Amino acid sequence: MKKFLLALVVLSTITANCQTDTSKQILYEGTEVHCKISKDISGKNAKVGDQIEFTVAKNVVVGDKILVNEGTRVVGTVTEASGSKALGKKGKLEFSIDYLYLSNGRPVKLRSSVEKQTNGRGALVATTAVLLSPLALFIKGKQAKFEEGTEFIAYVDKDTYIQ
């Protein structure tokens, strides 16, 4: 009987030590983070290096736990920007989504690259200028812009413990 009890105590100790520590939660590399832009941005007004504010568009769930709440702050950076120009030249806007900031202020590195190029109007401008008036050469191309609330997907760059 003593041997049985001893074996039972040893077995329960081993089992307790082998259980995973559930207090550590991990955002795994490649986890999708749906972000929405906080205000309108266009290639006309943005400059390379400008910071762009986003919020998490929907809760980030891993397993059955919400690890990041909707509305959490996300930050990106403009990597290329140009407004539309005369002769129908189109605008351009590119940015990256860089960091998600947890409620404790800790940053989580994200990866994403977003690009928007509009269709130019060069052929239309040239045809109009020849047929109607040289003033058509001053027709501007479309602006590259994203409106507030537009959603994008970024990905967690590497496994990150959040607690």
Protein backbone atom coordinates (compact mmCIF):
# COMPACT_ATOMS: atom_id res chain seq x y z
CA MET A 1 0.00 0.00 0.00
CA LYS A 2 2.85 2.40 0.80
CA LYS A 3 4.42 1.70 -2.59
CA PHE A 4 1.13 2.44 -4.28
CA LEU A 5 0.72 5.76 -2.46
CA LEU A 6 4.33 6.68 -3.18
CA ALA A 7 3.83 5.90 -6.88
CA LEU A 8 0.65 7.97 -6.89
CA VAL A 9 2.41 10.99 -5.32
CA VAL A 10 5.33 10.74 -7.79
CA LEU A 11 2.94 10.41 -10.75
CA SER A 12 0.85 13.42 -9.68
CA THR A 13 4.01 15.52 -9.21
CA ILE A 14 5.27 14.61 -12.69
CA THR A 15 1.85 15.36 -14.21
CA ALA A 16 1.67 18.76 -12.49
CA ASN A 17 5.14 19.69 -13.76
CA CYS A 18 4.34 18.64 -17.33
CA GLN A 19 1.23 20.78 -17.69
CA THR A 20 1.70 23.80 -19.91
CA ASP A 21 1.87 27.25 -18.39
CA THR A 22 -1.34 28.91 -19.57
CA SER A 23 -0.38 32.31 -18.16
CA LYS A 24 1.89 32.89 -21.16
CA GLN A 25 -0.03 33.78 -24.28
CA ILE A 26 1.64 33.95 -27.67
CA LEU A 27 0.81 35.87 -30.82
CA TYR A 28 2.28 33.51 -33.38
CA GLU A 29 4.22 34.61 -36.45
CA GLY A 30 1.82 35.03 -39.36
CA THR A 31 -1.25 35.72 -37.21
CA GLU A 32 -3.57 38.02 -39.17
CA VAL A 33 -4.31 41.44 -37.71
CA HIS A 34 -7.18 43.25 -39.43
CA CYS A 35 -6.53 47.00 -39.28
CA LYS A 36 -8.57 49.99 -40.37
CA ILE A 37 -7.15 53.38 -41.18
CA SER A 38 -8.14 56.11 -38.70
CA LYS A 39 -8.40 59.06 -41.12
CA ASP A 40 -8.28 59.77 -44.85
CA ILE A 41 -4.85 59.82 -46.45
CA SER A 42 -3.79 60.73 -49.99
CA GLY A 43 -0.59 60.85 -51.99
CA LYS A 44 -1.14 64.60 -52.36
CA ASN A 45 -0.93 65.36 -48.63
CA ALA A 46 1.29 62.56 -47.30
CA LYS A 47 5.08 62.67 -47.14
CA VAL A 48 7.55 59.80 -46.94
CA GLY A 49 8.14 59.00 -43.27
CA ASP A 50 4.75 60.28 -42.07
CA GLN A 51 3.16 58.14 -39.37
CA ILE A 52 -0.29 56.68 -40.12
CA GLU A 53 -2.70 55.70 -37.35
CA PHE A 54 -4.82 52.56 -37.54
CA THR A 55 -6.95 50.58 -35.11
CA VAL A 56 -7.51 46.85 -34.92
CA ALA A 57 -10.73 46.20 -36.87
CA LYS A 58 -11.67 42.95 -35.13
CA ASN A 59 -10.48 41.01 -32.10
CA VAL A 60 -7.37 38.87 -32.65
CA VAL A 61 -8.21 35.40 -31.38
CA VAL A 62 -5.68 32.60 -30.85
CA GLY A 63 -7.24 29.31 -29.83
CA ASP A 64 -10.27 30.34 -27.83
CA LYS A 65 -8.74 33.46 -26.27
CA ILE A 66 -8.95 37.07 -27.39
CA LEU A 67 -5.35 38.28 -27.29
CA VAL A 68 -5.84 41.71 -28.89
CA ASN A 69 -9.05 43.70 -28.62
CA GLU A 70 -10.78 45.56 -31.40
CA GLY A 71 -9.79 49.24 -31.28
CA THR A 72 -6.18 48.61 -30.22
CA ARG A 73 -3.70 51.14 -31.67
CA VAL A 74 -1.66 50.21 -34.75
CA VAL A 75 0.94 52.43 -36.45
CA GLY A 76 2.28 52.51 -40.00
CA THR A 77 4.67 54.61 -42.08
CA VAL A 78 4.34 56.24 -45.52
CA THR A 79 7.04 54.78 -47.77
CA GLU A 80 6.16 56.57 -51.02
CA ALA A 81 3.76 59.38 -51.86
CA SER A 82 3.08 61.63 -54.81
CA GLY A 83 0.05 63.63 -55.86
CA SER A 84 -1.46 63.56 -59.31
CA LYS A 85 0.09 65.89 -61.86
CA ALA A 86 -0.76 67.61 -65.10
CA LEU A 87 -0.92 65.60 -68.32
CA GLY A 88 -3.04 63.02 -66.52
CA LYS A 89 -0.19 61.60 -64.44
CA LYS A 90 -1.55 59.49 -61.64
CA GLY A 91 -0.86 59.81 -57.93
CA LYS A 92 0.84 57.13 -55.85
CA LEU A 93 0.71 56.15 -52.19
CA GLU A 94 2.55 53.32 -50.44
CA PHE A 95 2.86 52.55 -46.74
CA SER A 96 3.75 49.80 -44.35
CA ILE A 97 1.86 48.71 -41.24
CA ASP A 98 4.60 48.42 -38.63
CA TYR A 99 3.52 48.00 -35.01
CA LEU A 100 0.58 46.97 -32.88
CA TYR A 101 0.64 48.44 -29.36
CA LEU A 102 -0.73 46.16 -26.64
CA SER A 103 -2.74 47.58 -23.73
CA ASN A 104 0.43 47.51 -21.59
CA GLY A 105 2.22 49.67 -24.20
CA ARG A 106 4.41 46.85 -25.49
CA PRO A 107 4.87 46.94 -29.28
CA VAL A 108 4.34 43.89 -31.49
CA LYS A 109 6.17 44.04 -34.86
CA LEU A 110 3.90 43.59 -37.87
CA ARG A 111 4.64 43.15 -41.54
CA SER A 112 2.61 44.48 -44.41
CA SER A 113 3.04 46.64 -47.45
CA VAL A 114 0.20 48.48 -49.13
CA GLU A 115 0.37 50.23 -52.47
CA LYS A 116 -2.17 52.21 -54.44
CA GLN A 117 -1.62 53.49 -57.91
CA THR A 118 -4.49 55.00 -59.79
CA ASN A 119 -5.06 54.68 -63.49
CA GLY A 120 -3.50 57.56 -65.39
CA ARG A 121 -5.34 59.68 -67.90
CA GLY A 122 -2.43 60.30 -70.26
CA ALA A 123 -4.09 58.93 -73.41
CA LEU A 124 -7.32 60.81 -72.69
CA VAL A 125 -5.43 64.07 -72.14
CA ALA A 126 -3.38 63.70 -75.31
CA THR A 127 -6.45 62.91 -77.44
CA THR A 128 -8.44 65.76 -75.94
CA ALA A 129 -5.55 68.20 -76.44
CA VAL A 130 -5.20 67.31 -80.10
CA LEU A 131 -8.93 67.39 -80.82
CA LEU A 132 -10.15 70.24 -78.66
CA SER A 133 -7.67 72.46 -76.95
CA PRO A 134 -4.14 72.63 -75.57
CA LEU A 135 -5.77 73.53 -72.24
CA ALA A 136 -6.57 69.82 -71.88
CA LEU A 137 -2.87 69.29 -71.12
CA PHE A 138 -3.61 70.67 -67.67
CA ILE A 139 -6.07 67.89 -66.81
CA LYS A 140 -4.81 66.20 -63.66
CA GLY A 141 -4.65 62.47 -63.06
CA LYS A 142 -6.44 60.69 -60.23
CA GLN A 143 -5.24 61.02 -56.64
CA ALA A 144 -4.10 57.90 -54.80
CA LYS A 145 -6.07 57.91 -51.56
CA PHE A 146 -7.53 55.70 -48.87
CA GLU A 147 -10.61 56.73 -46.93
CA GLU A 148 -11.07 56.46 -43.17
CA GLY A 149 -12.22 52.98 -42.20
CA THR A 150 -10.57 51.20 -45.13
CA GLU A 151 -9.39 47.80 -43.88
CA PHE A 152 -6.04 46.14 -44.43
CA ILE A 153 -4.46 42.93 -43.20
CA ALA A 154 -1.08 42.89 -41.48
CA TYR A 155 0.71 39.87 -40.04
CA VAL A 156 2.58 39.33 -36.78
CA ASP A 157 6.27 39.35 -37.77
CA LYS A 158 7.52 36.82 -35.18
CA ASP A 159 6.23 34.82 -32.22
CA THR A 160 5.59 37.31 -29.42
CA TYR A 161 4.70 36.60 -25.80
CA ILE A 162 2.09 39.08 -24.68
CA GLN A 163 1.98 38.30 -20.95
